[in-house]
Amino acid sequence: MHYIGIDIGGTEVKIGLVTEKGTVLHRRQYSVSFDHYQTPILTSVLKAADSFLAESALSTDNLAGIGISATGQIDAVNGIVAGTCGNIPGWTGTPLKQAFQETYHLPATAVNDANCAALAEQWVGRARGISDAVILTIGTGVGGGIIADGKILLGSRGLAGEIGHLPIDCHGSTCTCGNHGCLEQYASMTALVRMAAQHYREKDPLCPAGCPSNGKEIFRLIRDGDRSMQELADRWIHHIACGITGLVHIFNPEAVLIGGGVSAQKELFIDPLREKTRSMVMENFRKDLLIDSAMAGNDAGIIGAVWYLIQTMGP
């Protein structure tokens, strides 16, 4: 039996056909911001789903259900977008689960995208066979999911896992959520790029063309021997390690896995992050603790959404 996995981001939606063993047979991507959200995202996603089914020559008669991964605070109990810390107009209140059930007459579930990343690692990734794990996704923001006693930790409304909004400096930078000093403000790729831009502006207020505009450029400079970028990255990694240390002391996981494009930087990111975190975590908590990159990659949202659907449907 096959399932449809849908991963809704702020600019595009990924849709894939997934087997009962977590294999993505094929996938497509569609824009949801093509007209600056004048068309509601839900309308765009439903149209994209229709296109995917038609292009794949799929009938809903041959599908077992639809698992949805979505950006924002997702009320997994009711399948509704409960809120967002971003600037996506009209997204809050979107009834994802209801819309897909009524449109396709199939079982449907909706979960936050970072929780789906954790679920994907549990099903087919590095957390497979592990009962307790923390998964962080580091990109434009910081997301995460907690696997506790073999199950995704969702809380009373399905909103749990907002790791990026764990305060690490109560007098720190203002966050998009309205609070101050959230981990996301110091540990995201956005934060690292901002730190680099500030460094260059201090040398030249016009921020010359050599000012790095993304993480790849920063790590290229580090590989080329740029000591100032190395120092910035060390500070950034320290912030991430602080957040992970708190999570390890709360949840006592067997593994901490890092997702997002930066996780491919093993020598320059994963290895020093592991070393820094292990130096900060209390001795009994770091015993046999695995700290490594996640494995599910770009398909994590699609895969994790389907795994949650399968668990919800039961045998």
C-alpha atoms as a PDB file:
ATOM      1  CA  MET A   1       0.000   0.000   0.000  1.00  0.00           C
ATOM      2  CA  HIS A   2       1.239   3.484  -0.841  1.00  0.00           C
ATOM      3  CA  TYR A   3       0.802   6.875   0.825  1.00  0.00           C
ATOM      4  CA  ILE A   4       1.094  10.496  -0.202  1.00  0.00           C
ATOM      5  CA  GLY A   5       3.507  12.609   1.836  1.00  0.00           C
ATOM      6  CA  ILE A   6       3.160  16.387   1.638  1.00  0.00           C
ATOM      7  CA  ASP A   7       5.778  18.767   3.056  1.00  0.00           C
ATOM      8  CA  ILE A   8       4.560  22.384   3.100  1.00  0.00           C
ATOM      9  CA  GLY A   9       7.209  25.081   3.492  1.00  0.00           C
ATOM     10  CA  GLY A  10       7.049  28.842   3.309  1.00  0.00           C
ATOM     11  CA  THR A  11       7.906  29.009  -0.391  1.00  0.00           C
ATOM     12  CA  GLU A  12       7.223  25.568  -1.839  1.00  0.00           C
ATOM     13  CA  VAL A  13       5.484  22.274  -1.216  1.00  0.00           C
ATOM     14  CA  LYS A  14       7.113  18.881  -1.785  1.00  0.00           C
ATOM     15  CA  ILE A  15       4.840  15.955  -2.577  1.00  0.00           C
ATOM     16  CA  GLY A  16       5.951  12.338  -2.750  1.00  0.00           C
ATOM     17  CA  LEU A  17       4.625   8.819  -3.161  1.00  0.00           C
ATOM     18  CA  VAL A  18       5.822   6.766  -0.181  1.00  0.00           C
ATOM     19  CA  THR A  19       5.771   3.024   0.407  1.00  0.00           C
ATOM     20  CA  GLU A  20       4.816   1.336   3.672  1.00  0.00           C
ATOM     21  CA  LYS A  21       8.546   0.885   4.351  1.00  0.00           C
ATOM     22  CA  GLY A  22       9.419   4.575   4.025  1.00  0.00           C
ATOM     23  CA  THR A  23      10.811   4.587   0.489  1.00  0.00           C
ATOM     24  CA  VAL A  24       9.971   7.666  -1.598  1.00  0.00           C
ATOM     25  CA  LEU A  25       9.201   6.350  -5.067  1.00  0.00           C
ATOM     26  CA  HIS A  26       9.014   9.752  -6.714  1.00  0.00           C
ATOM     27  CA  ARG A  27       8.491  13.371  -5.715  1.00  0.00           C
ATOM     28  CA  ARG A  28       7.684  16.801  -7.159  1.00  0.00           C
ATOM     29  CA  GLN A  29       8.008  20.381  -5.921  1.00  0.00           C
ATOM     30  CA  TYR A  30       5.558  23.215  -6.488  1.00  0.00           C
ATOM     31  CA  SER A  31       5.678  26.891  -5.536  1.00  0.00           C
ATOM     32  CA  VAL A  32       3.228  28.214  -2.938  1.00  0.00           C
ATOM     33  CA  SER A  33       4.544  31.800  -3.009  1.00  0.00           C
ATOM     34  CA  PHE A  34       4.384  32.403  -6.766  1.00  0.00           C
ATOM     35  CA  ASP A  35       2.055  35.405  -6.361  1.00  0.00           C
ATOM     36  CA  HIS A  36       3.296  36.550  -2.936  1.00  0.00           C
ATOM     37  CA  TYR A  37       0.555  34.561  -1.183  1.00  0.00           C
ATOM     38  CA  GLN A  38      -2.354  36.317  -2.866  1.00  0.00           C
ATOM     39  CA  THR A  39      -3.519  32.764  -3.468  1.00  0.00           C
ATOM     40  CA  PRO A  40      -3.889  31.093  -0.034  1.00  0.00           C
ATOM     41  CA  ILE A  41      -1.268  28.406   0.563  1.00  0.00           C
ATOM     42  CA  LEU A  42      -3.929  25.762   1.148  1.00  0.00           C
ATOM     43  CA  THR A  43      -5.452  26.467  -2.281  1.00  0.00           C
ATOM     44  CA  SER A  44      -2.019  26.195  -3.893  1.00  0.00           C
ATOM     45  CA  VAL A  45      -1.220  22.947  -2.072  1.00  0.00           C
ATOM     46  CA  LEU A  46      -4.523  21.309  -3.004  1.00  0.00           C
ATOM     47  CA  LYS A  47      -3.953  22.283  -6.638  1.00  0.00           C
ATOM     48  CA  ALA A  48      -0.418  20.890  -6.439  1.00  0.00           C
ATOM     49  CA  ALA A  49      -1.745  17.633  -4.986  1.00  0.00           C
ATOM     50  CA  ASP A  50      -4.208  17.344  -7.881  1.00  0.00           C
ATOM     51  CA  SER A  51      -1.356  17.909 -10.335  1.00  0.00           C
ATOM     52  CA  PHE A  52       0.843  15.338  -8.612  1.00  0.00           C
ATOM     53  CA  LEU A  53      -1.864  12.685  -8.735  1.00  0.00           C
ATOM     54  CA  ALA A  54      -2.569  13.419 -12.401  1.00  0.00           C
ATOM     55  CA  GLU A  55       1.099  13.511 -13.412  1.00  0.00           C
ATOM     56  CA  SER A  56       1.721  10.259 -11.545  1.00  0.00           C
ATOM     57  CA  ALA A  57      -1.407   8.586 -12.948  1.00  0.00           C
ATOM     58  CA  LEU A  58      -2.475   7.833  -9.368  1.00  0.00           C
ATOM     59  CA  SER A  59      -5.987   7.134  -8.177  1.00  0.00           C
ATOM     60  CA  THR A  60      -7.020   7.733  -4.585  1.00  0.00           C
ATOM     61  CA  ASP A  61      -8.447   4.199  -4.669  1.00  0.00           C
ATOM     62  CA  ASN A  62      -4.845   2.942  -4.565  1.00  0.00           C
ATOM     63  CA  LEU A  63      -3.764   5.139  -1.639  1.00  0.00           C
ATOM     64  CA  ALA A  64      -4.017   4.444   2.083  1.00  0.00           C
ATOM     65  CA  GLY A  65      -3.834   8.041   3.281  1.00  0.00           C
ATOM     66  CA  ILE A  66      -2.147  11.449   3.226  1.00  0.00           C
ATOM     67  CA  GLY A  67       0.485  12.566   5.727  1.00  0.00           C
ATOM     68  CA  ILE A  68       1.120  16.309   5.923  1.00  0.00           C
ATOM     69  CA  SER A  69       4.227  18.048   7.264  1.00  0.00           C
ATOM     70  CA  ALA A  70       3.862  21.804   7.588  1.00  0.00           C
ATOM     71  CA  THR A  71       5.743  24.875   8.695  1.00  0.00           C
ATOM     72  CA  GLY A  72       4.482  26.701  11.775  1.00  0.00           C
ATOM     73  CA  GLN A  73       2.843  25.672  15.019  1.00  0.00           C
ATOM     74  CA  ILE A  74       0.700  22.739  13.979  1.00  0.00           C
ATOM     75  CA  ASP A  75      -2.069  21.525  16.268  1.00  0.00           C
ATOM     76  CA  ALA A  76      -1.536  17.841  15.488  1.00  0.00           C
ATOM     77  CA  VAL A  77      -4.641  16.831  17.446  1.00  0.00           C
ATOM     78  CA  ASN A  78      -6.956  18.766  15.132  1.00  0.00           C
ATOM     79  CA  GLY A  79      -4.680  19.133  12.113  1.00  0.00           C
ATOM     80  CA  ILE A  80      -4.854  22.929  12.138  1.00  0.00           C
ATOM     81  CA  VAL A  81      -2.175  25.619  11.794  1.00  0.00           C
ATOM     82  CA  ALA A  82      -2.346  27.100  15.293  1.00  0.00           C
ATOM     83  CA  GLY A  83       0.197  29.853  14.743  1.00  0.00           C
ATOM     84  CA  THR A  84       3.415  30.934  13.089  1.00  0.00           C
ATOM     85  CA  CYS A  85       6.475  32.940  14.019  1.00  0.00           C
ATOM     86  CA  GLY A  86       7.023  33.935  10.403  1.00  0.00           C
ATOM     87  CA  ASN A  87       5.257  36.279   8.024  1.00  0.00           C
ATOM     88  CA  ILE A  88       3.054  34.003   5.939  1.00  0.00           C
ATOM     89  CA  PRO A  89      -0.259  35.815   5.507  1.00  0.00           C
ATOM     90  CA  GLY A  90      -3.428  33.814   6.082  1.00  0.00           C
ATOM     91  CA  TRP A  91      -1.602  30.678   7.237  1.00  0.00           C
ATOM     92  CA  THR A  92      -2.768  30.653  10.857  1.00  0.00           C
ATOM     93  CA  GLY A  93      -6.063  28.804  11.228  1.00  0.00           C
ATOM     94  CA  THR A  94      -5.681  26.744   8.048  1.00  0.00           C
ATOM     95  CA  PRO A  95      -7.586  23.416   8.532  1.00  0.00           C
ATOM     96  CA  LEU A  96      -5.096  21.114   6.798  1.00  0.00           C
ATOM     97  CA  LYS A  97      -6.401  17.762   7.986  1.00  0.00           C
ATOM     98  CA  GLN A  98     -10.047  18.564   7.316  1.00  0.00           C
ATOM     99  CA  ALA A  99      -9.358  20.005   3.864  1.00  0.00           C
ATOM    100  CA  PHE A 100      -7.493  16.944   2.636  1.00  0.00           C
ATOM    101  CA  GLN A 101      -9.904  14.458   4.168  1.00  0.00           C
ATOM    102  CA  GLU A 102     -12.884  16.182   2.576  1.00  0.00           C
ATOM    103  CA  THR A 103     -11.185  16.645  -0.800  1.00  0.00           C
ATOM    104  CA  TYR A 104      -9.729  13.165  -1.254  1.00  0.00           C
ATOM    105  CA  HIS A 105     -11.851  11.066   1.117  1.00  0.00           C
ATOM    106  CA  LEU A 106      -8.731   9.543   2.664  1.00  0.00           C
ATOM    107  CA  PRO A 107      -7.344   9.506   6.212  1.00  0.00           C
ATOM    108  CA  ALA A 108      -5.072  12.506   6.773  1.00  0.00           C
ATOM    109  CA  THR A 109      -2.846  13.881   9.523  1.00  0.00           C
ATOM    110  CA  ALA A 110      -0.857  17.112   9.913  1.00  0.00           C
ATOM    111  CA  VAL A 111       2.273  17.625  12.017  1.00  0.00           C
ATOM    112  CA  ASN A 112       4.948  20.313  12.344  1.00  0.00           C
ATOM    113  CA  ASP A 113       7.793  19.877   9.847  1.00  0.00           C
ATOM    114  CA  ALA A 114      10.559  19.621  12.469  1.00  0.00           C
ATOM    115  CA  ASN A 115       8.656  16.884  14.301  1.00  0.00           C
ATOM    116  CA  CYS A 116       8.327  15.127  10.947  1.00  0.00           C
ATOM    117  CA  ALA A 117      12.107  15.323  10.553  1.00  0.00           C
ATOM    118  CA  ALA A 118      12.412  13.503  13.883  1.00  0.00           C
ATOM    119  CA  LEU A 119       9.843  10.917  12.823  1.00  0.00           C
ATOM    120  CA  ALA A 120      11.732  10.301   9.579  1.00  0.00           C
ATOM    121  CA  GLU A 121      14.938   9.649  11.507  1.00  0.00           C
ATOM    122  CA  GLN A 122      13.062   7.232  13.753  1.00  0.00           C
ATOM    123  CA  TRP A 123      11.584   5.326  10.791  1.00  0.00           C
ATOM    124  CA  VAL A 124      14.411   5.147   8.258  1.00  0.00           C
ATOM    125  CA  GLY A 125      17.271   7.235   9.632  1.00  0.00           C
ATOM    126  CA  ARG A 126      19.933   7.271  12.295  1.00  0.00           C
ATOM    127  CA  ALA A 127      17.416   7.105  15.174  1.00  0.00           C
ATOM    128  CA  ARG A 128      16.009   3.796  13.968  1.00  0.00           C
ATOM    129  CA  GLY A 129      15.843   1.396  16.912  1.00  0.00           C
ATOM    130  CA  ILE A 130      16.557   4.225  19.391  1.00  0.00           C
ATOM    131  CA  SER A 131      13.935   4.909  22.062  1.00  0.00           C
ATOM    132  CA  ASP A 132      15.037   8.410  23.078  1.00  0.00           C
ATOM    133  CA  ALA A 133      16.470  10.988  20.693  1.00  0.00           C
ATOM    134  CA  VAL A 134      16.623  14.733  20.100  1.00  0.00           C
ATOM    135  CA  ILE A 135      16.618  15.932  16.492  1.00  0.00           C
ATOM    136  CA  LEU A 136      17.528  19.534  15.615  1.00  0.00           C
ATOM    137  CA  THR A 137      17.014  21.084  12.198  1.00  0.00           C
ATOM    138  CA  ILE A 138      19.262  24.060  11.561  1.00  0.00           C
ATOM    139  CA  GLY A 139      18.462  26.322   8.643  1.00  0.00           C
ATOM    140  CA  THR A 140      16.762  29.698   8.315  1.00  0.00           C
ATOM    141  CA  GLY A 141      15.471  28.982  11.819  1.00  0.00           C
ATOM    142  CA  VAL A 142      15.979  26.219  14.357  1.00  0.00           C
ATOM    143  CA  GLY A 143      13.405  23.440  14.664  1.00  0.00           C
ATOM    144  CA  GLY A 144      13.366  20.141  16.400  1.00  0.00           C
ATOM    145  CA  GLY A 145      11.602  17.057  17.566  1.00  0.00           C
ATOM    146  CA  ILE A 146      11.854  14.823  20.601  1.00  0.00           C
ATOM    147  CA  ILE A 147      11.523  11.047  20.493  1.00  0.00           C
ATOM    148  CA  ALA A 148      10.721   9.898  24.039  1.00  0.00           C
ATOM    149  CA  ASP A 149      10.190   6.245  24.930  1.00  0.00           C
ATOM    150  CA  GLY A 150       9.826   5.427  21.246  1.00  0.00           C
ATOM    151  CA  LYS A 151       7.164   8.046  20.492  1.00  0.00           C
ATOM    152  CA  ILE A 152       7.225  11.586  19.147  1.00  0.00           C
ATOM    153  CA  LEU A 153       6.645  14.038  21.988  1.00  0.00           C
ATOM    154  CA  LEU A 154       3.830  16.332  20.863  1.00  0.00           C
ATOM    155  CA  GLY A 155       2.406  17.719  24.095  1.00  0.00           C
ATOM    156  CA  SER A 156      -1.233  18.441  24.876  1.00  0.00           C
ATOM    157  CA  ARG A 157      -2.049  20.041  21.500  1.00  0.00           C
ATOM    158  CA  GLY A 158       0.682  18.643  19.316  1.00  0.00           C
ATOM    159  CA  LEU A 159       2.778  21.792  19.537  1.00  0.00           C
ATOM    160  CA  ALA A 160       5.781  20.416  21.438  1.00  0.00           C
ATOM    161  CA  GLY A 161       9.296  20.477  20.017  1.00  0.00           C
ATOM    162  CA  GLU A 162       9.777  24.217  19.438  1.00  0.00           C
ATOM    163  CA  ILE A 163      13.462  23.917  20.292  1.00  0.00           C
ATOM    164  CA  GLY A 164      14.330  27.127  18.462  1.00  0.00           C
ATOM    165  CA  HIS A 165      12.320  29.113  20.988  1.00  0.00           C
ATOM    166  CA  LEU A 166      14.170  27.834  24.022  1.00  0.00           C
ATOM    167  CA  PRO A 167      15.528  31.033  25.670  1.00  0.00           C
ATOM    168  CA  ILE A 168      19.280  30.958  26.265  1.00  0.00           C
ATOM    169  CA  ASP A 169      19.675  34.705  27.005  1.00  0.00           C
ATOM    170  CA  CYS A 170      16.725  36.423  28.641  1.00  0.00           C
ATOM    171  CA  HIS A 171      18.202  39.842  27.817  1.00  0.00           C
ATOM    172  CA  GLY A 172      19.203  38.887  24.294  1.00  0.00           C
ATOM    173  CA  SER A 173      17.993  39.636  20.791  1.00  0.00           C
ATOM    174  CA  THR A 174      14.291  39.994  20.086  1.00  0.00           C
ATOM    175  CA  CYS A 175      12.928  36.884  18.406  1.00  0.00           C
ATOM    176  CA  THR A 176      10.183  36.597  15.788  1.00  0.00           C
ATOM    177  CA  CYS A 177       8.031  34.980  18.489  1.00  0.00           C
ATOM    178  CA  GLY A 178       8.199  38.187  20.560  1.00  0.00           C
ATOM    179  CA  ASN A 179      10.458  36.880  23.318  1.00  0.00           C
ATOM    180  CA  HIS A 180      14.135  37.642  23.853  1.00  0.00           C
ATOM    181  CA  GLY A 181      17.223  35.486  23.502  1.00  0.00           C
ATOM    182  CA  CYS A 182      15.689  32.419  21.849  1.00  0.00           C
ATOM    183  CA  LEU A 183      18.128  29.774  20.644  1.00  0.00           C
ATOM    184  CA  GLU A 184      17.063  30.449  17.049  1.00  0.00           C
ATOM    185  CA  GLN A 185      18.511  33.965  17.265  1.00  0.00           C
ATOM    186  CA  TYR A 186      21.978  32.555  17.948  1.00  0.00           C
ATOM    187  CA  ALA A 187      22.042  29.030  16.479  1.00  0.00           C
ATOM    188  CA  SER A 188      20.362  29.284  13.056  1.00  0.00           C
ATOM    189  CA  MET A 189      22.164  29.727   9.751  1.00  0.00           C
ATOM    190  CA  THR A 190      20.482  33.119   9.623  1.00  0.00           C
ATOM    191  CA  ALA A 191      22.273  34.001  12.865  1.00  0.00           C
ATOM    192  CA  LEU A 192      25.654  32.883  11.526  1.00  0.00           C
ATOM    193  CA  VAL A 193      25.235  34.905   8.314  1.00  0.00           C
ATOM    194  CA  ARG A 194      24.146  37.916  10.384  1.00  0.00           C
ATOM    195  CA  MET A 195      27.251  37.581  12.566  1.00  0.00           C
ATOM    196  CA  ALA A 196      29.435  37.451   9.460  1.00  0.00           C
ATOM    197  CA  ALA A 197      27.753  40.512   7.928  1.00  0.00           C
ATOM    198  CA  GLN A 198      28.240  42.465  11.154  1.00  0.00           C
ATOM    199  CA  HIS A 199      31.919  41.491  11.202  1.00  0.00           C
ATOM    200  CA  TYR A 200      32.405  42.772   7.656  1.00  0.00           C
ATOM    201  CA  ARG A 201      30.454  45.988   8.312  1.00  0.00           C
ATOM    202  CA  GLU A 202      32.725  46.761  11.243  1.00  0.00           C
ATOM    203  CA  LYS A 203      35.634  46.666   8.793  1.00  0.00           C
ATOM    204  CA  ASP A 204      33.743  48.463   6.040  1.00  0.00           C
ATOM    205  CA  PRO A 205      30.262  50.033   6.622  1.00  0.00           C
ATOM    206  CA  LEU A 206      29.387  49.358   2.982  1.00  0.00           C
ATOM    207  CA  CYS A 207      29.912  45.617   3.508  1.00  0.00           C
ATOM    208  CA  PRO A 208      32.014  44.844   0.411  1.00  0.00           C
ATOM    209  CA  ALA A 209      31.226  42.256  -2.227  1.00  0.00           C
ATOM    210  CA  GLY A 210      33.296  39.681  -0.338  1.00  0.00           C
ATOM    211  CA  CYS A 211      30.815  39.663   2.540  1.00  0.00           C
ATOM    212  CA  PRO A 212      29.445  36.076   2.712  1.00  0.00           C
ATOM    213  CA  SER A 213      25.705  35.826   2.111  1.00  0.00           C
ATOM    214  CA  ASN A 214      25.122  32.203   3.102  1.00  0.00           C
ATOM    215  CA  GLY A 215      26.536  29.358   5.158  1.00  0.00           C
ATOM    216  CA  LYS A 216      28.294  27.702   2.223  1.00  0.00           C
ATOM    217  CA  GLU A 217      30.350  30.826   1.604  1.00  0.00           C
ATOM    218  CA  ILE A 218      31.252  31.099   5.297  1.00  0.00           C
ATOM    219  CA  PHE A 219      32.472  27.507   5.464  1.00  0.00           C
ATOM    220  CA  ARG A 220      34.400  27.998   2.213  1.00  0.00           C
ATOM    221  CA  LEU A 221      36.210  30.931   3.814  1.00  0.00           C
ATOM    222  CA  ILE A 222      36.973  28.789   6.857  1.00  0.00           C
ATOM    223  CA  ARG A 223      38.417  26.036   4.661  1.00  0.00           C
ATOM    224  CA  ASP A 224      40.538  28.708   2.971  1.00  0.00           C
ATOM    225  CA  GLY A 225      41.997  29.686   6.343  1.00  0.00           C
ATOM    226  CA  ASP A 226      39.944  32.763   7.290  1.00  0.00           C
ATOM    227  CA  ARG A 227      40.599  33.009  11.040  1.00  0.00           C
ATOM    228  CA  SER A 228      37.873  35.600  11.680  1.00  0.00           C
ATOM    229  CA  MET A 229      35.207  33.369  10.126  1.00  0.00           C
ATOM    230  CA  GLN A 230      36.534  30.426  12.133  1.00  0.00           C
ATOM    231  CA  GLU A 231      36.163  32.448  15.342  1.00  0.00           C
ATOM    232  CA  LEU A 232      32.585  33.396  14.400  1.00  0.00           C
ATOM    233  CA  ALA A 233      31.736  29.770  13.657  1.00  0.00           C
ATOM    234  CA  ASP A 234      33.239  28.707  16.991  1.00  0.00           C
ATOM    235  CA  ARG A 235      30.965  31.180  18.816  1.00  0.00           C
ATOM    236  CA  TRP A 236      27.978  29.993  16.785  1.00  0.00           C
ATOM    237  CA  ILE A 237      28.740  26.339  17.542  1.00  0.00           C
ATOM    238  CA  HIS A 238      29.052  27.210  21.232  1.00  0.00           C
ATOM    239  CA  HIS A 239      25.507  28.638  21.173  1.00  0.00           C
ATOM    240  CA  ILE A 240      24.175  25.456  19.569  1.00  0.00           C
ATOM    241  CA  ALA A 241      26.041  23.325  22.105  1.00  0.00           C
ATOM    242  CA  CYS A 242      24.473  25.335  24.947  1.00  0.00           C
ATOM    243  CA  GLY A 243      21.000  24.557  23.636  1.00  0.00           C
ATOM    244  CA  ILE A 244      21.796  20.886  23.105  1.00  0.00           C
ATOM    245  CA  THR A 245      23.296  20.595  26.591  1.00  0.00           C
ATOM    246  CA  GLY A 246      20.063  21.805  28.166  1.00  0.00           C
ATOM    247  CA  LEU A 247      18.028  19.384  26.069  1.00  0.00           C
ATOM    248  CA  VAL A 248      20.310  16.478  26.953  1.00  0.00           C
ATOM    249  CA  HIS A 249      19.979  17.253  30.661  1.00  0.00           C
ATOM    250  CA  ILE A 250      16.172  17.377  30.350  1.00  0.00           C
ATOM    251  CA  PHE A 251      15.522  14.371  28.092  1.00  0.00           C
ATOM    252  CA  ASN A 252      18.600  12.147  28.612  1.00  0.00           C
ATOM    253  CA  PRO A 253      18.540  10.935  24.979  1.00  0.00           C
ATOM    254  CA  GLU A 254      20.579   8.162  23.424  1.00  0.00           C
ATOM    255  CA  ALA A 255      21.203  10.343  20.370  1.00  0.00           C
ATOM    256  CA  VAL A 256      21.235  13.975  19.265  1.00  0.00           C
ATOM    257  CA  LEU A 257      20.937  14.269  15.494  1.00  0.00           C
ATOM    258  CA  ILE A 258      21.418  17.426  13.444  1.00  0.00           C
ATOM    259  CA  GLY A 259      19.509  18.041  10.228  1.00  0.00           C
ATOM    260  CA  GLY A 260      19.648  20.811   7.651  1.00  0.00           C
ATOM    261  CA  GLY A 261      22.173  21.518   4.929  1.00  0.00           C
ATOM    262  CA  VAL A 262      24.896  22.452   7.402  1.00  0.00           C
ATOM    263  CA  SER A 263      24.925  18.889   8.769  1.00  0.00           C
ATOM    264  CA  ALA A 264      26.950  17.901   5.689  1.00  0.00           C
ATOM    265  CA  GLN A 265      29.864  19.895   7.134  1.00  0.00           C
ATOM    266  CA  LYS A 266      31.298  17.041   9.187  1.00  0.00           C
ATOM    267  CA  GLU A 267      34.810  18.284   9.952  1.00  0.00           C
ATOM    268  CA  LEU A 268      33.931  21.956  10.276  1.00  0.00           C
ATOM    269  CA  PHE A 269      30.605  21.606  12.094  1.00  0.00           C
ATOM    270  CA  ILE A 270      29.473  18.178  13.326  1.00  0.00           C
ATOM    271  CA  ASP A 271      32.840  17.151  14.807  1.00  0.00           C
ATOM    272  CA  PRO A 272      33.491  20.399  16.741  1.00  0.00           C
ATOM    273  CA  LEU A 273      29.842  20.547  17.852  1.00  0.00           C
ATOM    274  CA  ARG A 274      30.141  17.007  19.221  1.00  0.00           C
ATOM    275  CA  GLU A 275      33.358  17.871  21.061  1.00  0.00           C
ATOM    276  CA  LYS A 276      31.962  21.111  22.534  1.00  0.00           C
ATOM    277  CA  THR A 277      28.686  19.518  23.607  1.00  0.00           C
ATOM    278  CA  ARG A 278      30.348  16.528  25.242  1.00  0.00           C
ATOM    279  CA  SER A 279      32.597  18.889  27.189  1.00  0.00           C
ATOM    280  CA  MET A 280      29.533  20.688  28.591  1.00  0.00           C
ATOM    281  CA  VAL A 281      27.196  17.760  29.309  1.00  0.00           C
ATOM    282  CA  MET A 282      27.406  16.136  32.737  1.00  0.00           C
ATOM    283  CA  GLU A 283      29.359  12.885  32.811  1.00  0.00           C
ATOM    284  CA  ASN A 284      26.500  10.435  33.320  1.00  0.00           C
ATOM    285  CA  PHE A 285      24.462  12.078  30.561  1.00  0.00           C
ATOM    286  CA  ARG A 286      27.215  11.884  27.943  1.00  0.00           C
ATOM    287  CA  LYS A 287      27.909   8.192  28.454  1.00  0.00           C
ATOM    288  CA  ASP A 288      27.227   6.431  25.128  1.00  0.00           C
ATOM    289  CA  LEU A 289      25.587   9.629  23.794  1.00  0.00           C
ATOM    290  CA  LEU A 290      25.582   9.724  19.984  1.00  0.00           C
ATOM    291  CA  ILE A 291      25.900  13.184  18.410  1.00  0.00           C
ATOM    292  CA  ASP A 292      25.830  13.058  14.619  1.00  0.00           C
ATOM    293  CA  SER A 293      24.152  14.300  11.453  1.00  0.00           C
ATOM    294  CA  ALA A 294      20.650  13.202  10.516  1.00  0.00           C
ATOM    295  CA  MET A 295      20.189  10.915   7.498  1.00  0.00           C
ATOM    296  CA  ALA A 296      16.746  11.525   5.983  1.00  0.00           C
ATOM    297  CA  GLY A 297      17.777  14.664   4.084  1.00  0.00           C
ATOM    298  CA  ASN A 298      15.373  16.619   1.884  1.00  0.00           C
ATOM    299  CA  ASP A 299      12.743  13.888   2.036  1.00  0.00           C
ATOM    300  CA  ALA A 300      12.497  14.049   5.848  1.00  0.00           C
ATOM    301  CA  GLY A 301       9.218  15.989   5.905  1.00  0.00           C
ATOM    302  CA  ILE A 302       7.533  13.696   3.379  1.00  0.00           C
ATOM    303  CA  ILE A 303       8.731  10.513   5.102  1.00  0.00           C
ATOM    304  CA  GLY A 304       8.030  11.667   8.655  1.00  0.00           C
ATOM    305  CA  ALA A 305       4.524  12.834   7.795  1.00  0.00           C
ATOM    306  CA  VAL A 306       3.662   9.412   6.393  1.00  0.00           C
ATOM    307  CA  TRP A 307       5.178   7.617   9.397  1.00  0.00           C
ATOM    308  CA  TYR A 308       3.020   9.681  11.751  1.00  0.00           C
ATOM    309  CA  LEU A 309      -0.041   8.880   9.647  1.00  0.00           C
ATOM    310  CA  ILE A 310       0.745   5.149   9.757  1.00  0.00           C
ATOM    311  CA  GLN A 311       1.220   5.244  13.548  1.00  0.00           C
ATOM    312  CA  THR A 312      -2.043   7.139  13.957  1.00  0.00           C
ATOM    313  CA  MET A 313      -3.973   4.718  11.749  1.00  0.00           C
ATOM    314  CA  GLY A 314      -2.658   1.722  13.703  1.00  0.00           C
ATOM    315  CA  PRO A 315      -2.650  -1.909  12.488  1.00  0.00           C
END
